[in-house]
Protein backbone atom coordinates (compact mmCIF):
# COMPACT_ATOMS: atom_id res chain seq x y z
CA MET A 1 41.61 263.53 -102.07
CA ALA A 2 38.82 265.82 -101.26
CA ILE A 3 36.65 263.15 -100.51
CA ARG A 4 39.10 261.29 -98.29
CA LYS A 5 39.70 264.81 -96.21
CA LYS A 6 35.96 264.84 -95.96
CA ASN A 7 35.65 261.46 -94.49
CA THR A 8 38.45 262.17 -92.12
CA LYS A 9 36.99 265.09 -90.69
CA ASN A 10 33.50 263.90 -90.35
CA PRO A 11 33.42 260.06 -90.58
CA PRO A 12 29.93 258.50 -90.86
CA VAL A 13 28.37 257.30 -87.65
CA LEU A 14 29.70 253.73 -86.39
CA SER A 15 32.33 253.55 -89.05
CA HIS A 16 35.78 252.72 -88.30
CA GLU A 17 37.41 256.15 -88.15
CA PHE A 18 34.18 257.21 -85.91
CA ILE A 19 34.87 254.82 -83.60
CA LEU A 20 38.49 255.31 -83.18
CA GLN A 21 37.92 259.20 -82.85
CA ASN A 22 35.09 259.13 -80.50
CA HIS A 23 35.77 255.97 -78.41
CA ALA A 24 36.28 257.62 -75.09
CA ASP A 25 32.51 259.49 -75.32
CA ILE A 26 31.20 256.21 -76.68
CA VAL A 27 32.39 254.26 -73.36
CA SER A 28 31.29 257.26 -71.36
CA CYS A 29 27.81 256.94 -72.40
CA VAL A 30 28.00 253.11 -71.66
CA GLY A 31 29.21 253.81 -68.26
CA MET A 32 26.66 256.45 -67.60
CA PHE A 33 24.05 253.97 -67.98
CA PHE A 34 25.33 251.91 -65.12
CA VAL A 35 25.53 255.16 -62.86
CA LEU A 36 21.92 256.27 -63.88
CA GLY A 37 20.72 252.89 -63.11
CA LEU A 38 21.28 253.70 -59.38
CA MET A 39 18.57 256.40 -59.61
CA PHE A 40 15.65 253.69 -60.16
CA GLU A 41 14.55 251.21 -57.88
CA ALA A 42 14.17 248.52 -60.36
CA THR A 43 17.72 248.70 -61.89
CA ALA A 44 19.50 249.67 -58.75
CA GLU A 45 20.52 246.32 -57.61
CA ALA A 46 21.90 245.23 -60.90
CA SER A 47 23.91 248.68 -60.99
CA ILE A 48 25.35 248.23 -57.67
CA VAL A 49 26.88 245.00 -58.88
CA PHE A 50 28.93 246.89 -61.55
CA ILE A 51 29.92 249.95 -59.42
CA THR A 52 30.55 248.53 -55.85
CA LEU A 53 32.51 245.76 -54.61
CA GLN A 54 30.61 242.43 -53.86
CA HIS A 55 30.97 239.29 -51.80
CA SER A 56 31.45 241.30 -48.52
CA VAL A 57 31.41 239.28 -45.03
CA PRO A 58 30.68 241.08 -41.81
CA VAL A 59 33.35 240.36 -39.22
CA PRO A 60 32.42 240.96 -35.72
CA ALA A 61 35.02 242.74 -33.82
CA ALA A 62 36.91 241.47 -30.67
CA LYS A 63 35.47 242.23 -27.32
CA GLU A 64 38.84 243.26 -25.71
CA GLN A 65 39.48 246.01 -28.68
CA GLY A 66 35.87 247.36 -28.27
CA THR A 67 35.67 248.45 -31.75
CA GLU A 68 32.65 247.93 -34.20
CA SER A 69 32.39 245.38 -36.71
CA ARG A 70 33.95 245.73 -40.07
CA SER A 71 33.51 243.88 -43.52
CA LEU A 72 36.18 242.01 -45.22
CA TYR A 73 35.75 240.59 -48.66
CA ASN A 74 36.36 237.23 -50.77
CA TYR A 75 36.05 236.76 -54.51
CA GLY A 76 33.16 235.47 -56.69
CA VAL A 77 31.46 235.51 -60.17
CA LYS A 78 30.12 238.97 -59.61
CA ASP A 79 33.84 240.53 -59.43
CA LEU A 80 33.68 240.08 -63.17
CA ALA A 81 30.85 242.67 -63.64
CA THR A 82 32.95 245.14 -61.24
CA VAL A 83 36.11 244.54 -63.36
CA PHE A 84 34.01 245.35 -66.68
CA PHE A 85 32.78 248.77 -65.27
CA TYR A 86 36.38 249.90 -64.08
CA MET A 87 37.50 248.58 -67.32
CA LEU A 88 35.29 251.29 -68.89
CA VAL A 89 36.84 253.72 -66.52
CA ALA A 90 40.38 252.95 -67.11
CA ILE A 91 39.43 253.61 -71.13
CA ILE A 92 38.25 256.97 -70.28
CA ILE A 93 41.05 257.98 -68.04
CA HIS A 94 43.57 256.54 -70.78
CA ALA A 95 41.85 258.95 -73.54
CA THR A 96 41.93 261.73 -70.99
CA VAL A 97 45.42 261.50 -70.26
CA GLN A 98 46.28 261.08 -73.88
CA GLU A 99 44.48 264.27 -75.28
CA TYR A 100 44.99 266.60 -72.64
CA VAL A 101 48.74 265.73 -71.54
CA LEU A 102 50.58 263.54 -73.77
CA ASP A 103 49.18 265.02 -77.31
CA LYS A 104 50.04 268.29 -75.95
CA ILE A 105 53.33 267.46 -75.08
CA ASN A 106 54.06 265.77 -78.54
CA ARG A 107 53.01 268.98 -80.19
CA GLN A 108 55.61 270.85 -78.37
CA MET A 109 58.25 268.70 -78.62
CA GLN A 110 57.56 267.94 -82.28
CA PHE A 111 58.33 264.17 -82.19
CA PRO A 112 58.86 262.37 -85.42
CA LYS A 113 56.12 259.49 -86.12
CA THR A 114 58.60 256.92 -85.22
CA LYS A 115 58.92 258.20 -81.73
CA GLN A 116 55.24 259.24 -81.11
CA SER A 117 53.96 255.64 -80.30
CA ARG A 118 56.91 254.95 -77.98
CA PHE A 119 56.34 258.08 -76.23
CA ASN A 120 52.61 257.72 -75.68
CA GLU A 121 53.19 254.19 -74.54
CA SER A 122 55.93 255.01 -72.04
CA GLY A 123 53.83 258.09 -70.82
CA GLN A 124 50.66 256.08 -70.28
CA LEU A 125 52.59 253.40 -68.39
CA SER A 126 54.46 256.04 -66.34
CA VAL A 127 51.22 257.59 -65.09
CA PHE A 128 49.73 254.05 -64.24
CA TYR A 129 52.99 252.85 -62.50
CA LEU A 130 53.44 255.86 -60.58
CA VAL A 131 49.68 255.90 -59.18
CA SER A 132 49.89 252.01 -58.28
CA CYS A 133 53.14 252.46 -56.52
CA VAL A 134 51.89 255.41 -54.20
CA TRP A 135 48.67 253.50 -53.75
CA GLY A 136 50.24 250.19 -52.92
CA THR A 137 52.66 252.08 -50.62
CA LEU A 138 49.87 253.55 -48.65
CA ILE A 139 48.09 250.15 -48.47
CA LEU A 140 51.22 248.81 -47.04
CA ILE A 141 51.55 251.44 -44.48
CA SER A 142 47.95 251.32 -43.48
CA GLU A 143 47.96 247.57 -42.91
CA ASN A 144 51.17 247.40 -40.94
CA TYR A 145 53.32 246.02 -43.49
CA VAL A 146 56.55 248.02 -42.85
CA SER A 147 56.20 247.84 -39.01
CA ASP A 148 55.33 243.94 -39.03
CA THR A 149 56.63 242.07 -41.84
CA THR A 150 55.16 238.75 -40.51
CA VAL A 151 51.74 239.95 -41.81
CA LEU A 152 53.23 238.88 -45.34
CA TRP A 153 52.63 235.31 -44.27
CA ARG A 154 50.37 235.57 -41.63
CA ALA A 155 47.32 236.74 -43.08
CA HIS A 156 43.98 236.27 -40.85
CA PRO A 157 41.58 235.16 -41.85
CA GLN A 158 43.13 233.40 -44.76
CA ASN A 159 40.33 233.68 -47.19
CA MET A 160 39.67 237.45 -46.71
CA MET A 161 40.61 240.67 -48.11
CA THR A 162 40.19 244.25 -46.76
CA PHE A 163 38.23 246.68 -48.93
CA GLN A 164 41.29 248.79 -50.03
CA MET A 165 43.28 245.66 -50.87
CA LYS A 166 40.19 244.13 -52.91
CA PHE A 167 39.61 247.51 -54.86
CA PHE A 168 43.62 247.63 -55.66
CA TYR A 169 43.27 244.39 -57.11
CA ILE A 170 40.04 244.90 -58.95
CA SER A 171 41.42 248.09 -60.46
CA GLN A 172 44.98 246.13 -61.59
CA LEU A 173 42.74 243.77 -63.42
CA ALA A 174 40.62 246.38 -64.96
CA TYR A 175 43.70 248.45 -66.37
CA TRP A 176 45.31 245.42 -67.75
CA LEU A 177 42.35 244.14 -69.27
CA HIS A 178 41.70 247.70 -70.78
CA ALA A 179 44.94 247.37 -72.73
CA PHE A 180 43.84 244.77 -74.86
CA PRO A 181 41.21 247.23 -76.89
CA GLU A 182 43.54 250.21 -76.63
CA LEU A 183 45.53 248.48 -79.14
CA TYR A 184 42.67 248.85 -81.49
CA PHE A 185 41.88 252.35 -80.48
CA GLN A 186 45.44 253.60 -80.61
CA LYS A 187 46.10 252.13 -84.08
CA THR A 188 49.27 249.81 -82.80
CA LYS A 189 51.68 248.47 -85.59
CA LYS A 190 51.13 244.80 -86.35
CA GLN A 191 54.62 244.05 -85.57
CA ASP A 192 54.18 245.70 -82.11
CA ILE A 193 51.07 243.52 -81.23
CA PRO A 194 52.73 240.43 -80.42
CA ARG A 195 54.97 241.93 -78.06
CA GLN A 196 52.28 244.00 -76.40
CA LEU A 197 50.00 240.95 -75.90
CA ILE A 198 52.73 239.18 -74.16
CA TYR A 199 53.52 241.95 -72.12
CA PHE A 200 49.82 242.53 -71.03
CA GLY A 201 49.24 238.96 -70.56
CA LEU A 202 51.91 238.16 -68.17
CA HIS A 203 50.69 241.07 -66.07
CA LEU A 204 47.20 239.96 -65.89
CA PHE A 205 47.84 236.20 -65.47
CA HIS A 206 50.03 237.03 -62.18
CA ILE A 207 47.97 239.59 -60.96
CA ALA A 208 44.88 237.42 -61.32
CA GLY A 209 46.87 234.27 -59.99
CA ALA A 210 47.42 236.34 -56.49
CA TYR A 211 43.92 237.37 -56.26
CA LEU A 212 42.68 233.94 -56.97
CA LEU A 213 45.17 232.00 -54.76
CA TYR A 214 44.56 234.64 -51.79
CA LEU A 215 48.27 235.64 -52.12
CA ASP A 216 47.33 239.24 -52.04
CA HIS A 217 49.79 240.22 -49.36
CA LEU A 218 52.72 238.82 -51.27
CA GLY A 219 51.18 240.15 -54.68
CA LEU A 220 50.96 243.47 -53.27
CA VAL A 221 54.76 243.72 -52.42
CA LEU A 222 55.85 242.28 -55.51
CA LEU A 223 53.86 244.64 -57.66
CA VAL A 224 55.16 247.75 -55.80
CA LEU A 225 58.79 246.44 -56.20
CA HIS A 226 57.92 245.62 -60.07
CA TYR A 227 56.15 248.91 -60.65
CA PHE A 228 58.83 250.94 -59.17
CA VAL A 229 61.67 249.33 -61.47
CA GLU A 230 59.30 249.85 -64.47
CA LEU A 231 58.44 253.27 -63.47
CA LEU A 232 62.19 254.11 -63.52
CA SER A 233 62.61 252.52 -66.92
CA HIS A 234 60.01 254.32 -68.63
CA LEU A 235 61.07 257.77 -67.05
CA CYS A 236 64.71 256.96 -68.55
CA ASP A 237 62.94 256.36 -71.75
CA LEU A 238 60.93 259.60 -71.59
CA PHE A 239 64.02 261.81 -70.69
CA TYR A 240 66.08 260.00 -73.49
CA MET A 241 63.61 260.88 -75.93
CA SER A 242 63.11 264.52 -74.89
CA ASP A 243 67.11 264.96 -75.09
CA GLU A 244 69.73 262.16 -75.99
CA LYS A 245 72.20 263.57 -73.60
CA TYR A 246 70.13 261.55 -70.68
CA GLU A 247 71.42 258.11 -72.32
CA GLN A 248 73.44 257.73 -68.97
CA GLY A 249 70.27 257.16 -67.17
CA PHE A 250 69.85 253.64 -68.71
CA SER A 251 73.06 252.62 -67.12
CA LEU A 252 71.44 253.53 -63.67
CA TRP A 253 68.25 251.92 -64.92
CA ALA A 254 70.13 248.74 -65.64
CA ILE A 255 71.55 248.51 -62.32
CA VAL A 256 68.18 249.30 -60.62
CA ILE A 257 66.33 246.57 -62.36
CA VAL A 258 68.61 244.12 -61.85
CA LEU A 259 68.70 244.65 -57.93
CA GLY A 260 64.83 244.82 -58.23
CA ARG A 261 64.37 241.45 -59.78
CA LEU A 262 66.72 239.85 -57.59
CA LEU A 263 64.72 241.36 -54.47
CA ILE A 264 61.53 240.16 -55.98
CA LEU A 265 63.02 236.55 -56.56
CA ILE A 266 64.29 236.87 -52.92
CA VAL A 267 61.06 237.90 -51.44
CA SER A 268 59.30 235.22 -53.41
CA VAL A 269 61.51 232.26 -52.26
CA LEU A 270 61.43 233.42 -48.74
CA THR A 271 57.52 233.76 -48.23
CA VAL A 272 56.45 230.91 -50.36
CA GLY A 273 59.34 228.44 -49.76
CA PHE A 274 59.61 228.89 -46.02
CA HIS A 275 56.98 230.90 -44.19
CA LEU A 276 54.07 229.27 -45.75
CA ALA A 277 55.42 225.75 -45.37
CA GLY A 278 54.52 225.60 -41.84
CA SER A 279 50.84 225.50 -42.66
CA GLU A 280 50.99 223.37 -45.68
CA THR A 281 48.00 221.00 -46.22
CA GLN A 282 48.05 217.81 -48.26
CA LYS A 283 44.88 219.03 -50.36
CA PRO A 284 43.61 222.21 -51.25
CA ASP A 285 40.21 223.57 -49.77
CA ILE A 286 38.72 225.82 -52.49
CA ILE A 287 35.82 226.78 -50.03
CA ALA A 288 38.35 228.06 -47.35
CA GLY A 289 40.69 229.41 -49.52
CA ASN A 290 43.44 227.33 -48.40
CA PHE A 291 45.82 226.75 -51.80
CA ASN A 292 48.97 226.02 -49.69
CA VAL A 293 50.27 222.81 -51.29
CA LEU A 294 53.29 221.77 -52.94
CA ALA A 295 51.94 222.04 -56.46
CA ALA A 296 50.57 225.51 -55.87
CA LYS A 297 53.85 226.78 -54.36
CA ILE A 298 56.04 225.30 -57.26
CA ALA A 299 53.54 227.13 -59.61
CA VAL A 300 53.95 230.42 -57.89
CA LEU A 301 57.75 230.30 -57.76
CA SER A 302 57.99 229.00 -61.51
CA SER A 303 55.75 231.76 -62.60
CA SER A 304 57.76 234.50 -60.48
CA CYS A 305 60.97 233.31 -62.09
CA THR A 306 59.81 232.84 -65.42
CA ILE A 307 58.41 236.76 -65.77
CA GLN A 308 61.59 238.00 -64.13
CA ALA A 309 63.80 236.01 -66.72
CA PHE A 310 61.59 237.52 -69.46
CA ILE A 311 61.88 240.74 -68.39
CA THR A 312 65.39 240.50 -67.91
CA TRP A 313 66.02 239.17 -71.53
CA ASN A 314 64.11 242.01 -72.80
CA LEU A 315 66.50 244.39 -70.88
CA ILE A 316 69.45 242.50 -72.36
CA THR A 317 68.04 242.73 -76.12
CA LEU A 318 66.94 246.48 -75.69
CA GLN A 319 70.49 247.27 -74.47
CA LEU A 320 72.23 245.36 -77.21
CA GLN A 321 69.85 247.02 -79.65
CA ARG A 322 70.81 250.58 -78.30
CA TRP A 323 74.51 249.88 -78.38
CA ARG A 324 74.11 248.73 -82.02
CA GLU A 325 72.46 251.84 -82.99
CA GLN A 326 74.84 254.14 -80.97
CA SER A 327 77.62 252.33 -82.95
CA ASN A 328 76.21 252.49 -86.47
CA PHE A 329 75.55 256.28 -85.62
CA GLU A 330 78.96 256.78 -84.39
CA VAL A 331 80.54 255.30 -87.41
CA PRO A 332 79.29 257.64 -90.16
CA CYS A 333 79.98 260.74 -87.99
CA ALA A 334 83.51 259.71 -87.34
CA LYS A 335 83.71 259.20 -91.21
CA LYS A 336 82.31 262.58 -91.84
CA LYS A 337 84.65 264.28 -89.46
CA ARG A 338 87.46 262.60 -91.27
CA MET A 339 86.42 263.79 -94.58
CA THR A 340 85.92 267.32 -93.52
CA THR A 341 89.37 267.49 -91.88
CA LYS A 342 90.82 265.92 -95.04
CA GLY A 343 89.02 268.44 -97.07
CA ARG A 344 90.36 271.37 -95.10
CA SER A 345 94.20 270.24 -95.11
CA ARG A 346 93.57 269.69 -99.04
CA LYS A 347 92.11 273.11 -99.18
CA GLY A 348 95.04 274.71 -97.15
CA THR A 349 97.77 273.10 -99.43
CA GLU A 350 96.35 274.05 -102.55
CA ASN A 351 95.96 277.60 -101.28
CA GLY A 352 99.74 277.36 -100.21
CA VAL A 353 100.66 276.20 -103.47
CA GLU A 354 98.70 278.92 -105.19
CA ILE A 355 100.19 281.59 -103.09
CA SER A 356 103.71 280.27 -103.88
CA ASN A 357 103.03 280.21 -107.47
CA ARG A 358 101.80 283.65 -107.52
CA VAL A 359 105.20 284.76 -105.72
CA ASP A 360 107.46 282.77 -108.03
CA SER A 361 105.59 284.19 -111.21
CA PRO A 362 107.58 285.80 -114.05
CA ARG A 363 105.78 288.84 -113.62
CA ASN A 364 106.53 289.09 -110.24
CA ARG A 365 110.28 288.62 -110.80
CA LYS A 366 110.33 291.39 -113.40
CA ASP A 367 108.85 293.93 -110.87
CA LYS A 368 111.46 292.60 -108.26
């Protein structure tokens, strides 16, 4: 036993425990190599590919507006290097939030081991969903999505993205990619891994699909709606774990999630089915970035309906599981209360009989 304690405190270098305990520091060192590469002329070009956005196209400004030319972006192979670098950044931020926020709350609340993994998962996703909702809403406001909803299906030029739009999608892809190695770093249980893989894979698939098909406007609106609903669900879970009196929040969350899923389906059908139908082409043009064909629209609608059905099914199963747990918990409590009340009544009757016997005893009769 003494040897085990020594190994857990000071594990050998590059061992399994060493990597798990110091994975954030190792990833920070890897990321610093790319940043330090900017200081030298020989490696600056290679480092820029990892750190800054690539595939920019200068667009001249209109003469009547009198503004300067700006740069728009499309996608390419170099985006893989950028996604990899920001995946390292996501791992570092994940470890920072875990160590300086969630672990401290865990020590104060003294959660059992069964609740710690759930708390850490909901805490990490709540931070990500909150930041993504605020960031996505700011992009919607800055690009006039709120005042002019026709921008949703009238993206000009069709195969270009603004800087903030592309950076948002690069960050989203990096975050969901970083979630796969986090299953190893966080020592996720084997029975939870398939559920997590499906959850991460669905998000990654749909975000990458919106990015590659240049449906960034539609994808941004759907992501903000989806993340807002998921944020409410994880906040309800956090409040419930801190105090079970907040269980009524799940009923509110169930109503909001149904309305949110319905709104996502309506926006998807209206945008893909009606507004993009006016510019439908017979063959996809990969170079021009036009994928507005019947097969692409069917794929987008079917994938959107599939993920909404999957999430709704998970909601139903989760609610049924909680109701079963609550009913199983209430039955023993009710039995326990009945046993205590019966015990008190029996004790009271026994005391009454004992008192009456004392009163009617022969010794008391002689005294009388």
